[in-house]
Amino acid sequence: MFPVVLFLIFGIIQGALWFHARHVALGAAQEGARVVAAEGGGDGEARAVEFIANLTGGTLIRNVIVRESATAQTATVTVNGRAPSLIPGVDGLPVTQTATAPVERFTRPGS
């Protein structure tokens, strides 16, 4: 019975790590999208990576890949990576989150 209980505990902790990594990836994607969507644009990829590094020390999401794209109306940033695994030598679960923001631009009143 003890191995089953231990397996359940590790499964719950692994799931919690994955959900937390997803939330951090979403926050990074949103932060990157805000930078890209700002008037004049910016480097959303760098901001998303910096966000993850500042928040978790770069240990919560491994193998981070950030992609950004922008059109005249929207800015999109996607963060991909892997959540940590409790089993040594085994890659964690994949994490992918995307955020889109409207591009800021000045318009004349009445147009």
PDB file of N, CA and C in Angstrom:
ATOM      1  N   MET A   1       0.812  -1.196   0.000  1.00  0.00           N
ATOM      2  CA  MET A   1       0.000   0.000   0.000  1.00  0.00           C
ATOM      3  C   MET A   1       0.862   1.270   0.000  1.00  0.00           C
ATOM      4  N   PHE A   2       1.995   1.216   0.688  1.00  0.00           N
ATOM      5  CA  PHE A   2       2.871   2.387   0.762  1.00  0.00           C
ATOM      6  C   PHE A   2       3.374   2.841  -0.612  1.00  0.00           C
ATOM      7  N   PRO A   3       3.790   1.940  -1.511  1.00  0.00           N
ATOM      8  CA  PRO A   3       4.224   2.400  -2.837  1.00  0.00           C
ATOM      9  C   PRO A   3       3.124   3.131  -3.606  1.00  0.00           C
ATOM     10  N   VAL A   4       1.903   2.698  -3.461  1.00  0.00           N
ATOM     11  CA  VAL A   4       0.791   3.360  -4.150  1.00  0.00           C
ATOM     12  C   VAL A   4       0.607   4.772  -3.608  1.00  0.00           C
ATOM     13  N   VAL A   5       0.651   4.924  -2.285  1.00  0.00           N
ATOM     14  CA  VAL A   5       0.509   6.244  -1.666  1.00  0.00           C
ATOM     15  C   VAL A   5       1.665   7.149  -2.088  1.00  0.00           C
ATOM     16  N   LEU A   6       2.881   6.617  -2.097  1.00  0.00           N
ATOM     17  CA  LEU A   6       4.046   7.387  -2.512  1.00  0.00           C
ATOM     18  C   LEU A   6       3.925   7.813  -3.975  1.00  0.00           C
ATOM     19  N   PHE A   7       3.458   6.919  -4.831  1.00  0.00           N
ATOM     20  CA  PHE A   7       3.248   7.238  -6.246  1.00  0.00           C
ATOM     21  C   PHE A   7       2.217   8.354  -6.394  1.00  0.00           C
ATOM     22  N   LEU A   8       1.143   8.306  -5.639  1.00  0.00           N
ATOM     23  CA  LEU A   8       0.114   9.348  -5.696  1.00  0.00           C
ATOM     24  C   LEU A   8       0.662  10.695  -5.237  1.00  0.00           C
ATOM     25  N   ILE A   9       1.468  10.688  -4.179  1.00  0.00           N
ATOM     26  CA  ILE A   9       2.041  11.940  -3.682  1.00  0.00           C
ATOM     27  C   ILE A   9       2.965  12.551  -4.733  1.00  0.00           C
ATOM     28  N   PHE A  10       3.834  11.731  -5.324  1.00  0.00           N
ATOM     29  CA  PHE A  10       4.722  12.242  -6.370  1.00  0.00           C
ATOM     30  C   PHE A  10       3.933  12.713  -7.587  1.00  0.00           C
ATOM     31  N   GLY A  11       2.871  12.027  -7.923  1.00  0.00           N
ATOM     32  CA  GLY A  11       2.028  12.451  -9.047  1.00  0.00           C
ATOM     33  C   GLY A  11       1.375  13.796  -8.792  1.00  0.00           C
ATOM     34  N   ILE A  12       0.907  14.016  -7.580  1.00  0.00           N
ATOM     35  CA  ILE A  12       0.280  15.296  -7.232  1.00  0.00           C
ATOM     36  C   ILE A  12       1.310  16.418  -7.282  1.00  0.00           C
ATOM     37  N   ILE A  13       2.499  16.170  -6.740  1.00  0.00           N
ATOM     38  CA  ILE A  13       3.547  17.193  -6.762  1.00  0.00           C
ATOM     39  C   ILE A  13       3.978  17.491  -8.191  1.00  0.00           C
ATOM     40  N   GLN A  14       4.121  16.458  -9.026  1.00  0.00           N
ATOM     41  CA  GLN A  14       4.503  16.660 -10.427  1.00  0.00           C
ATOM     42  C   GLN A  14       3.444  17.482 -11.158  1.00  0.00           C
ATOM     43  N   GLY A  15       2.179  17.183 -10.900  1.00  0.00           N
ATOM     44  CA  GLY A  15       1.099  17.961 -11.509  1.00  0.00           C
ATOM     45  C   GLY A  15       1.130  19.413 -11.074  1.00  0.00           C
ATOM     46  N   ALA A  16       1.397  19.648  -9.799  1.00  0.00           N
ATOM     47  CA  ALA A  16       1.470  21.019  -9.290  1.00  0.00           C
ATOM     48  C   ALA A  16       2.634  21.777  -9.935  1.00  0.00           C
ATOM     49  N   LEU A  17       3.769  21.124 -10.100  1.00  0.00           N
ATOM     50  CA  LEU A  17       4.908  21.757 -10.772  1.00  0.00           C
ATOM     51  C   LEU A  17       4.561  22.132 -12.207  1.00  0.00           C
ATOM     52  N   TRP A  18       3.853  21.243 -12.900  1.00  0.00           N
ATOM     53  CA  TRP A  18       3.468  21.504 -14.287  1.00  0.00           C
ATOM     54  C   TRP A  18       2.492  22.688 -14.371  1.00  0.00           C
ATOM     55  N   PHE A  19       1.485  22.701 -13.489  1.00  0.00           N
ATOM     56  CA  PHE A  19       0.526  23.814 -13.507  1.00  0.00           C
ATOM     57  C   PHE A  19       1.214  25.137 -13.179  1.00  0.00           C
ATOM     58  N   HIS A  20       2.138  25.123 -12.213  1.00  0.00           N
ATOM     59  CA  HIS A  20       2.857  26.350 -11.863  1.00  0.00           C
ATOM     60  C   HIS A  20       3.717  26.816 -13.041  1.00  0.00           C
ATOM     61  N   ALA A  21       4.381  25.891 -13.707  1.00  0.00           N
ATOM     62  CA  ALA A  21       5.197  26.246 -14.873  1.00  0.00           C
ATOM     63  C   ALA A  21       4.323  26.844 -15.974  1.00  0.00           C
ATOM     64  N   ARG A  22       3.124  26.312 -16.155  1.00  0.00           N
ATOM     65  CA  ARG A  22       2.200  26.877 -17.156  1.00  0.00           C
ATOM     66  C   ARG A  22       1.824  28.309 -16.811  1.00  0.00           C
ATOM     67  N   HIS A  23       1.572  28.582 -15.531  1.00  0.00           N
ATOM     68  CA  HIS A  23       1.205  29.943 -15.118  1.00  0.00           C
ATOM     69  C   HIS A  23       2.371  30.909 -15.310  1.00  0.00           C
ATOM     70  N   VAL A  24       3.584  30.474 -14.998  1.00  0.00           N
ATOM     71  CA  VAL A  24       4.755  31.326 -15.201  1.00  0.00           C
ATOM     72  C   VAL A  24       4.953  31.577 -16.701  1.00  0.00           C
ATOM     73  N   ALA A  25       4.790  30.555 -17.529  1.00  0.00           N
ATOM     74  CA  ALA A  25       4.930  30.723 -18.979  1.00  0.00           C
ATOM     75  C   ALA A  25       3.875  31.688 -19.522  1.00  0.00           C
ATOM     76  N   LEU A  26       2.657  31.606 -19.007  1.00  0.00           N
ATOM     77  CA  LEU A  26       1.605  32.529 -19.442  1.00  0.00           C
ATOM     78  C   LEU A  26       1.942  33.960 -19.032  1.00  0.00           C
ATOM     79  N   GLY A  27       2.430  34.145 -17.812  1.00  0.00           N
ATOM     80  CA  GLY A  27       2.840  35.483 -17.373  1.00  0.00           C
ATOM     81  C   GLY A  27       3.959  36.038 -18.244  1.00  0.00           C
ATOM     82  N   ALA A  28       4.923  35.190 -18.592  1.00  0.00           N
ATOM     83  CA  ALA A  28       6.021  35.625 -19.460  1.00  0.00           C
ATOM     84  C   ALA A  28       5.506  35.985 -20.847  1.00  0.00           C
ATOM     85  N   ALA A  29       4.589  35.182 -21.387  1.00  0.00           N
ATOM     86  CA  ALA A  29       4.019  35.472 -22.706  1.00  0.00           C
ATOM     87  C   ALA A  29       3.239  36.782 -22.683  1.00  0.00           C
ATOM     88  N   GLN A  30       2.476  37.022 -21.622  1.00  0.00           N
ATOM     89  CA  GLN A  30       1.721  38.272 -21.510  1.00  0.00           C
ATOM     90  C   GLN A  30       2.652  39.474 -21.401  1.00  0.00           C
ATOM     91  N   GLU A  31       3.718  39.330 -20.620  1.00  0.00           N
ATOM     92  CA  GLU A  31       4.683  40.422 -20.477  1.00  0.00           C
ATOM     93  C   GLU A  31       5.368  40.709 -21.812  1.00  0.00           C
ATOM     94  N   GLY A  32       5.760  39.663 -22.526  1.00  0.00           N
ATOM     95  CA  GLY A  32       6.368  39.851 -23.841  1.00  0.00           C
ATOM     96  C   GLY A  32       5.413  40.494 -24.837  1.00  0.00           C
ATOM     97  N   ALA A  33       4.142  40.081 -24.802  1.00  0.00           N
ATOM     98  CA  ALA A  33       3.147  40.661 -25.715  1.00  0.00           C
ATOM     99  C   ALA A  33       2.922  42.136 -25.407  1.00  0.00           C
ATOM    100  N   ARG A  34       2.945  42.504 -24.129  1.00  0.00           N
ATOM    101  CA  ARG A  34       2.788  43.921 -23.764  1.00  0.00           C
ATOM    102  C   ARG A  34       3.932  44.750 -24.343  1.00  0.00           C
ATOM    103  N   VAL A  35       5.157  44.233 -24.277  1.00  0.00           N
ATOM    104  CA  VAL A  35       6.317  44.961 -24.798  1.00  0.00           C
ATOM    105  C   VAL A  35       6.216  45.116 -26.314  1.00  0.00           C
ATOM    106  N   VAL A  36       5.862  44.050 -27.004  1.00  0.00           N
ATOM    107  CA  VAL A  36       5.755  44.104 -28.467  1.00  0.00           C
ATOM    108  C   VAL A  36       4.613  45.024 -28.891  1.00  0.00           C
ATOM    109  N   ALA A  37       3.516  45.033 -28.137  1.00  0.00           N
ATOM    110  CA  ALA A  37       2.342  45.819 -28.506  1.00  0.00           C
ATOM    111  C   ALA A  37       2.495  47.304 -28.199  1.00  0.00           C
ATOM    112  N   ALA A  38       3.456  47.670 -27.379  1.00  0.00           N
ATOM    113  CA  ALA A  38       3.636  49.078 -27.029  1.00  0.00           C
ATOM    114  C   ALA A  38       3.994  49.897 -28.261  1.00  0.00           C
ATOM    115  N   GLU A  39       3.664  51.180 -28.216  1.00  0.00           N
ATOM    116  CA  GLU A  39       3.974  52.070 -29.335  1.00  0.00           C
ATOM    117  C   GLU A  39       5.467  52.018 -29.621  1.00  0.00           C
ATOM    118  N   GLY A  40       5.836  51.698 -30.840  1.00  0.00           N
ATOM    119  CA  GLY A  40       7.237  51.571 -31.210  1.00  0.00           C
ATOM    120  C   GLY A  40       7.771  50.158 -31.063  1.00  0.00           C
ATOM    121  N   GLY A  41       7.033  49.307 -30.391  1.00  0.00           N
ATOM    122  CA  GLY A  41       7.434  47.914 -30.242  1.00  0.00           C
ATOM    123  C   GLY A  41       8.665  47.750 -29.372  1.00  0.00           C
ATOM    124  N   GLY A  42       9.058  46.530 -29.194  1.00  0.00           N
ATOM    125  CA  GLY A  42      10.217  46.210 -28.371  1.00  0.00           C
ATOM    126  C   GLY A  42      10.560  44.752 -28.550  1.00  0.00           C
ATOM    127  N   ASP A  43      11.528  44.288 -27.786  1.00  0.00           N
ATOM    128  CA  ASP A  43      11.965  42.901 -27.881  1.00  0.00           C
ATOM    129  C   ASP A  43      11.186  42.062 -26.876  1.00  0.00           C
ATOM    130  N   GLY A  44      10.066  41.532 -27.317  1.00  0.00           N
ATOM    131  CA  GLY A  44       9.212  40.723 -26.453  1.00  0.00           C
ATOM    132  C   GLY A  44       9.850  39.405 -26.069  1.00  0.00           C
ATOM    133  N   GLU A  45      10.661  38.837 -26.956  1.00  0.00           N
ATOM    134  CA  GLU A  45      11.336  37.579 -26.658  1.00  0.00           C
ATOM    135  C   GLU A  45      12.275  37.754 -25.466  1.00  0.00           C
ATOM    136  N   ALA A  46      13.077  38.799 -25.516  1.00  0.00           N
ATOM    137  CA  ALA A  46      14.028  39.047 -24.424  1.00  0.00           C
ATOM    138  C   ALA A  46      13.298  39.326 -23.120  1.00  0.00           C
ATOM    139  N   ARG A  47      12.199  40.078 -23.195  1.00  0.00           N
ATOM    140  CA  ARG A  47      11.454  40.410 -21.973  1.00  0.00           C
ATOM    141  C   ARG A  47      10.829  39.160 -21.368  1.00  0.00           C
ATOM    142  N   ALA A  48      10.321  38.250 -22.188  1.00  0.00           N
ATOM    143  CA  ALA A  48       9.713  37.016 -21.676  1.00  0.00           C
ATOM    144  C   ALA A  48      10.764  36.144 -20.995  1.00  0.00           C
ATOM    145  N   VAL A  49      11.937  36.009 -21.605  1.00  0.00           N
ATOM    146  CA  VAL A  49      13.013  35.212 -20.999  1.00  0.00           C
ATOM    147  C   VAL A  49      13.472  35.857 -19.699  1.00  0.00           C
ATOM    148  N   GLU A  50      13.582  37.178 -19.696  1.00  0.00           N
ATOM    149  CA  GLU A  50      13.977  37.901 -18.480  1.00  0.00           C
ATOM    150  C   GLU A  50      12.934  37.720 -17.379  1.00  0.00           C
ATOM    151  N   PHE A  51      11.668  37.726 -17.745  1.00  0.00           N
ATOM    152  CA  PHE A  51      10.586  37.529 -16.780  1.00  0.00           C
ATOM    153  C   PHE A  51      10.717  36.174 -16.093  1.00  0.00           C
ATOM    154  N   ILE A  52      10.954  35.133 -16.882  1.00  0.00           N
ATOM    155  CA  ILE A  52      11.103  33.781 -16.317  1.00  0.00           C
ATOM    156  C   ILE A  52      12.336  33.715 -15.424  1.00  0.00           C
ATOM    157  N   ALA A  53      13.436  34.284 -15.872  1.00  0.00           N
ATOM    158  CA  ALA A  53      14.672  34.250 -15.089  1.00  0.00           C
ATOM    159  C   ALA A  53      14.518  35.006 -13.773  1.00  0.00           C
ATOM    160  N   ASN A  54      13.871  36.166 -13.805  1.00  0.00           N
ATOM    161  CA  ASN A  54      13.682  36.956 -12.583  1.00  0.00           C
ATOM    162  C   ASN A  54      12.728  36.287 -11.613  1.00  0.00           C
ATOM    163  N   LEU A  55      11.707  35.642 -12.132  1.00  0.00           N
ATOM    164  CA  LEU A  55      10.680  35.052 -11.272  1.00  0.00           C
ATOM    165  C   LEU A  55      11.124  33.734 -10.658  1.00  0.00           C
ATOM    166  N   THR A  56      11.806  32.923 -11.410  1.00  0.00           N
ATOM    167  CA  THR A  56      12.116  31.568 -10.931  1.00  0.00           C
ATOM    168  C   THR A  56      13.601  31.252 -10.906  1.00  0.00           C
ATOM    169  N   GLY A  57      14.431  32.182 -11.291  1.00  0.00           N
ATOM    170  CA  GLY A  57      15.854  31.886 -11.373  1.00  0.00           C
ATOM    171  C   GLY A  57      16.186  30.993 -12.560  1.00  0.00           C
ATOM    172  N   GLY A  58      15.240  30.828 -13.462  1.00  0.00           N
ATOM    173  CA  GLY A  58      15.463  30.011 -14.651  1.00  0.00           C
ATOM    174  C   GLY A  58      15.380  28.515 -14.399  1.00  0.00           C
ATOM    175  N   THR A  59      14.904  28.109 -13.218  1.00  0.00           N
ATOM    176  CA  THR A  59      14.873  26.679 -12.899  1.00  0.00           C
ATOM    177  C   THR A  59      13.505  26.044 -13.089  1.00  0.00           C
ATOM    178  N   LEU A  60      12.445  26.841 -13.154  1.00  0.00           N
ATOM    179  CA  LEU A  60      11.109  26.254 -13.230  1.00  0.00           C
ATOM    180  C   LEU A  60      10.754  25.797 -14.639  1.00  0.00           C
ATOM    181  N   ILE A  61      11.206  26.519 -15.634  1.00  0.00           N
ATOM    182  CA  ILE A  61      10.938  26.133 -17.019  1.00  0.00           C
ATOM    183  C   ILE A  61      12.289  25.974 -17.708  1.00  0.00           C
ATOM    184  N   ARG A  62      12.538  24.777 -18.213  1.00  0.00           N
ATOM    185  CA  ARG A  62      13.802  24.500 -18.894  1.00  0.00           C
ATOM    186  C   ARG A  62      13.583  24.491 -20.400  1.00  0.00           C
ATOM    187  N   ASN A  63      14.682  24.658 -21.141  1.00  0.00           N
ATOM    188  CA  ASN A  63      14.644  24.638 -22.606  1.00  0.00           C
ATOM    189  C   ASN A  63      13.637  25.647 -23.146  1.00  0.00           C
ATOM    190  N   VAL A  64      13.684  26.860 -22.636  1.00  0.00           N
ATOM    191  CA  VAL A  64      12.720  27.893 -23.012  1.00  0.00           C
ATOM    192  C   VAL A  64      12.983  28.364 -24.438  1.00  0.00           C
ATOM    193  N   ILE A  65      11.913  28.375 -25.211  1.00  0.00           N
ATOM    194  CA  ILE A  65      11.930  28.929 -26.573  1.00  0.00           C
ATOM    195  C   ILE A  65      10.787  29.934 -26.651  1.00  0.00           C
ATOM    196  N   VAL A  66      11.109  31.165 -27.025  1.00  0.00           N
ATOM    197  CA  VAL A  66      10.106  32.228 -27.117  1.00  0.00           C
ATOM    198  C   VAL A  66      10.038  32.694 -28.558  1.00  0.00           C
ATOM    199  N   ARG A  67       8.818  32.819 -29.061  1.00  0.00           N
ATOM    200  CA  ARG A  67       8.605  33.322 -30.424  1.00  0.00           C
ATOM    201  C   ARG A  67       7.636  34.493 -30.355  1.00  0.00           C
ATOM    202  N   GLU A  68       7.915  35.502 -31.138  1.00  0.00           N
ATOM    203  CA  GLU A  68       7.007  36.646 -31.197  1.00  0.00           C
ATOM    204  C   GLU A  68       6.634  36.927 -32.638  1.00  0.00           C
ATOM    205  N   SER A  69       5.447  37.460 -32.806  1.00  0.00           N
ATOM    206  CA  SER A  69       4.998  37.897 -34.123  1.00  0.00           C
ATOM    207  C   SER A  69       4.071  39.079 -33.924  1.00  0.00           C
ATOM    208  N   ALA A  70       4.012  39.927 -34.918  1.00  0.00           N
ATOM    209  CA  ALA A  70       3.154  41.109 -34.816  1.00  0.00           C
ATOM    210  C   ALA A  70       2.563  41.426 -36.179  1.00  0.00           C
ATOM    211  N   THR A  71       1.334  41.878 -36.139  1.00  0.00           N
ATOM    212  CA  THR A  71       0.673  42.414 -37.323  1.00  0.00           C
ATOM    213  C   THR A  71       0.352  43.868 -37.013  1.00  0.00           C
ATOM    214  N   ALA A  72      -0.351  44.527 -37.902  1.00  0.00           N
ATOM    215  CA  ALA A  72      -0.720  45.918 -37.664  1.00  0.00           C
ATOM    216  C   ALA A  72      -1.694  46.048 -36.488  1.00  0.00           C
ATOM    217  N   GLN A  73      -2.442  44.980 -36.191  1.00  0.00           N
ATOM    218  CA  GLN A  73      -3.442  45.044 -35.126  1.00  0.00           C
ATOM    219  C   GLN A  73      -3.066  44.292 -33.847  1.00  0.00           C
ATOM    220  N   THR A  74      -2.300  43.223 -33.950  1.00  0.00           N
ATOM    221  CA  THR A  74      -2.028  42.393 -32.771  1.00  0.00           C
ATOM    222  C   THR A  74      -0.553  42.023 -32.650  1.00  0.00           C
ATOM    223  N   ALA A  75      -0.163  41.775 -31.408  1.00  0.00           N
ATOM    224  CA  ALA A  75       1.172  41.257 -31.096  1.00  0.00           C
ATOM    225  C   ALA A  75       0.985  39.947 -30.341  1.00  0.00           C
ATOM    226  N   THR A  76       1.709  38.914 -30.754  1.00  0.00           N
ATOM    227  CA  THR A  76       1.567  37.597 -30.147  1.00  0.00           C
ATOM    228  C   THR A  76       2.936  37.084 -29.712  1.00  0.00           C
ATOM    229  N   VAL A  77       2.981  36.530 -28.502  1.00  0.00           N
ATOM    230  CA  VAL A  77       4.203  35.913 -27.990  1.00  0.00           C
ATOM    231  C   VAL A  77       3.841  34.520 -27.494  1.00  0.00           C
ATOM    232  N   THR A  78       4.643  33.527 -27.892  1.00  0.00           N
ATOM    233  CA  THR A  78       4.453  32.139 -27.471  1.00  0.00           C
ATOM    234  C   THR A  78       5.686  31.684 -26.711  1.00  0.00           C
ATOM    235  N   VAL A  79       5.462  31.085 -25.540  1.00  0.00           N
ATOM    236  CA  VAL A  79       6.546  30.557 -24.710  1.00  0.00           C
ATOM    237  C   VAL A  79       6.416  29.038 -24.669  1.00  0.00           C
ATOM    238  N   ASN A  80       7.488  28.349 -25.055  1.00  0.00           N
ATOM    239  CA  ASN A  80       7.550  26.885 -24.994  1.00  0.00           C
ATOM    240  C   ASN A  80       8.690  26.493 -24.061  1.00  0.00           C
ATOM    241  N   GLY A  81       8.513  25.382 -23.375  1.00  0.00           N
ATOM    242  CA  GLY A  81       9.568  24.880 -22.509  1.00  0.00           C
ATOM    243  C   GLY A  81       9.141  23.568 -21.876  1.00  0.00           C
ATOM    244  N   ARG A  82       9.860  23.172 -20.854  1.00  0.00           N
ATOM    245  CA  ARG A  82       9.556  21.933 -20.135  1.00  0.00           C
ATOM    246  C   ARG A  82       9.540  22.203 -18.650  1.00  0.00           C
ATOM    247  N   ALA A  83       8.514  21.676 -17.987  1.00  0.00           N
ATOM    248  CA  ALA A  83       8.426  21.767 -16.532  1.00  0.00           C
ATOM    249  C   ALA A  83       9.444  20.798 -15.930  1.00  0.00           C
ATOM    250  N   PRO A  84       9.907  21.060 -14.709  1.00  0.00           N
ATOM    251  CA  PRO A  84      10.865  20.128 -14.095  1.00  0.00           C
ATOM    252  C   PRO A  84      10.219  18.779 -13.797  1.00  0.00           C
ATOM    253  N   SER A  85      11.050  17.747 -13.765  1.00  0.00           N
ATOM    254  CA  SER A  85      10.567  16.398 -13.479  1.00  0.00           C
ATOM    255  C   SER A  85      11.123  15.940 -12.137  1.00  0.00           C
ATOM    256  N   LEU A  86      10.322  15.207 -11.395  1.00  0.00           N
ATOM    257  CA  LEU A  86      10.774  14.643 -10.123  1.00  0.00           C
ATOM    258  C   LEU A  86      11.622  13.400 -10.332  1.00  0.00           C
ATOM    259  N   ILE A  87      11.565  12.834 -11.516  1.00  0.00           N
ATOM    260  CA  ILE A  87      12.330  11.628 -11.826  1.00  0.00           C
ATOM    261  C   ILE A  87      13.617  12.044 -12.524  1.00  0.00           C
ATOM    262  N   PRO A  88      14.777  11.795 -11.902  1.00  0.00           N
ATOM    263  CA  PRO A  88      16.043  12.202 -12.524  1.00  0.00           C
ATOM    264  C   PRO A  88      16.241  11.541 -13.892  1.00  0.00           C
ATOM    265  N   GLY A  89      16.737  12.333 -14.850  1.00  0.00           N
ATOM    266  CA  GLY A  89      17.009  11.817 -16.179  1.00  0.00           C
ATOM    267  C   GLY A  89      15.819  11.800 -17.113  1.00  0.00           C
ATOM    268  N   VAL A  90      14.657  12.178 -16.621  1.00  0.00           N
ATOM    269  CA  VAL A  90      13.442  12.191 -17.436  1.00  0.00           C
ATOM    270  C   VAL A  90      13.049  13.643 -17.688  1.00  0.00           C
ATOM    271  N   ASP A  91      12.829  13.995 -18.961  1.00  0.00           N
ATOM    272  CA  ASP A  91      12.368  15.348 -19.278  1.00  0.00           C
ATOM    273  C   ASP A  91      11.000  15.576 -18.666  1.00  0.00           C
ATOM    274  N   GLY A  92      10.768  16.805 -18.253  1.00  0.00           N
ATOM    275  CA  GLY A  92       9.472  17.153 -17.699  1.00  0.00           C
ATOM    276  C   GLY A  92       8.407  17.273 -18.763  1.00  0.00           C
ATOM    277  N   LEU A  93       7.218  17.566 -18.327  1.00  0.00           N
ATOM    278  CA  LEU A  93       6.089  17.723 -19.237  1.00  0.00           C
ATOM    279  C   LEU A  93       6.248  19.008 -20.044  1.00  0.00           C
ATOM    280  N   PRO A  94       5.817  18.999 -21.307  1.00  0.00           N
ATOM    281  CA  PRO A  94       5.928  20.212 -22.126  1.00  0.00           C
ATOM    282  C   PRO A  94       4.949  21.289 -21.665  1.00  0.00           C
ATOM    283  N   VAL A  95       5.398  22.536 -21.787  1.00  0.00           N
ATOM    284  CA  VAL A  95       4.601  23.698 -21.414  1.00  0.00           C
ATOM    285  C   VAL A  95       4.573  24.636 -22.612  1.00  0.00           C
ATOM    286  N   THR A  96       3.394  25.045 -23.033  1.00  0.00           N
ATOM    287  CA  THR A  96       3.235  26.009 -24.122  1.00  0.00           C
ATOM    288  C   THR A  96       2.128  26.980 -23.759  1.00  0.00           C
ATOM    289  N   GLN A  97       2.437  28.262 -23.804  1.00  0.00           N
ATOM    290  CA  GLN A  97       1.441  29.293 -23.526  1.00  0.00           C
ATOM    291  C   GLN A  97       1.601  30.422 -24.533  1.00  0.00           C
ATOM    292  N   THR A  98       0.492  31.002 -24.956  1.00  0.00           N
ATOM    293  CA  THR A  98       0.487  32.090 -25.931  1.00  0.00           C
ATOM    294  C   THR A  98      -0.344  33.249 -25.404  1.00  0.00           C
ATOM    295  N   ALA A  99       0.143  34.455 -25.649  1.00  0.00           N
ATOM    296  CA  ALA A  99      -0.613  35.660 -25.277  1.00  0.00           C
ATOM    297  C   ALA A  99      -0.643  36.600 -26.472  1.00  0.00           C
ATOM    298  N   THR A 100      -1.770  37.250 -26.658  1.00  0.00           N
ATOM    299  CA  THR A 100      -1.958  38.208 -27.742  1.00  0.00           C
ATOM    300  C   THR A 100      -2.461  39.520 -27.155  1.00  0.00           C
ATOM    301  N   ALA A 101      -1.929  40.623 -27.657  1.00  0.00           N
ATOM    302  CA  ALA A 101      -2.346  41.947 -27.188  1.00  0.00           C
ATOM    303  C   ALA A 101      -2.568  42.849 -28.396  1.00  0.00           C
ATOM    304  N   PRO A 102      -3.511  43.795 -28.283  1.00  0.00           N
ATOM    305  CA  PRO A 102      -3.706  44.738 -29.387  1.00  0.00           C
ATOM    306  C   PRO A 102      -2.525  45.715 -29.462  1.00  0.00           C
ATOM    307  N   VAL A 103      -2.092  46.027 -30.676  1.00  0.00           N
ATOM    308  CA  VAL A 103      -0.979  46.949 -30.876  1.00  0.00           C
ATOM    309  C   VAL A 103      -1.471  48.371 -30.611  1.00  0.00           C
ATOM    310  N   GLU A 104      -0.699  49.092 -29.799  1.00  0.00           N
ATOM    311  CA  GLU A 104      -1.046  50.471 -29.489  1.00  0.00           C
ATOM    312  C   GLU A 104      -0.629  51.368 -30.657  1.00  0.00           C
ATOM    313  N   ARG A 105      -1.482  52.312 -30.978  1.00  0.00           N
ATOM    314  CA  ARG A 105      -1.132  53.286 -32.001  1.00  0.00           C
ATOM    315  C   ARG A 105      -1.958  54.528 -31.781  1.00  0.00           C
ATOM    316  N   PHE A 106      -1.379  55.655 -32.135  1.00  0.00           N
ATOM    317  CA  PHE A 106      -2.074  56.914 -31.980  1.00  0.00           C
ATOM    318  C   PHE A 106      -3.003  57.142 -33.163  1.00  0.00           C
ATOM    319  N   THR A 107      -4.185  57.623 -32.864  1.00  0.00           N
ATOM    320  CA  THR A 107      -5.132  57.982 -33.915  1.00  0.00           C
ATOM    321  C   THR A 107      -5.672  59.366 -33.632  1.00  0.00           C
ATOM    322  N   ARG A 108      -6.131  60.023 -34.660  1.00  0.00           N
ATOM    323  CA  ARG A 108      -6.734  61.329 -34.482  1.00  0.00           C
ATOM    324  C   ARG A 108      -8.149  61.153 -33.969  1.00  0.00           C
ATOM    325  N   PRO A 109      -8.591  62.051 -33.131  1.00  0.00           N
ATOM    326  CA  PRO A 109      -9.990  61.952 -32.671  1.00  0.00           C
ATOM    327  C   PRO A 109     -10.942  62.046 -33.849  1.00  0.00           C
ATOM    328  N   GLY A 110     -11.952  61.216 -33.799  1.00  0.00           N
ATOM    329  CA  GLY A 110     -12.973  61.231 -34.847  1.00  0.00           C
ATOM    330  C   GLY A 110     -12.607  60.404 -36.063  1.00  0.00           C
ATOM    331  N   SER A 111     -11.475  59.689 -36.040  1.00  0.00           N
ATOM    332  CA  SER A 111     -11.127  58.869 -37.203  1.00  0.00           C
ATOM    333  C   SER A 111     -11.113  57.417 -36.856  1.00  0.00           C
TER     334      SER A 111
END
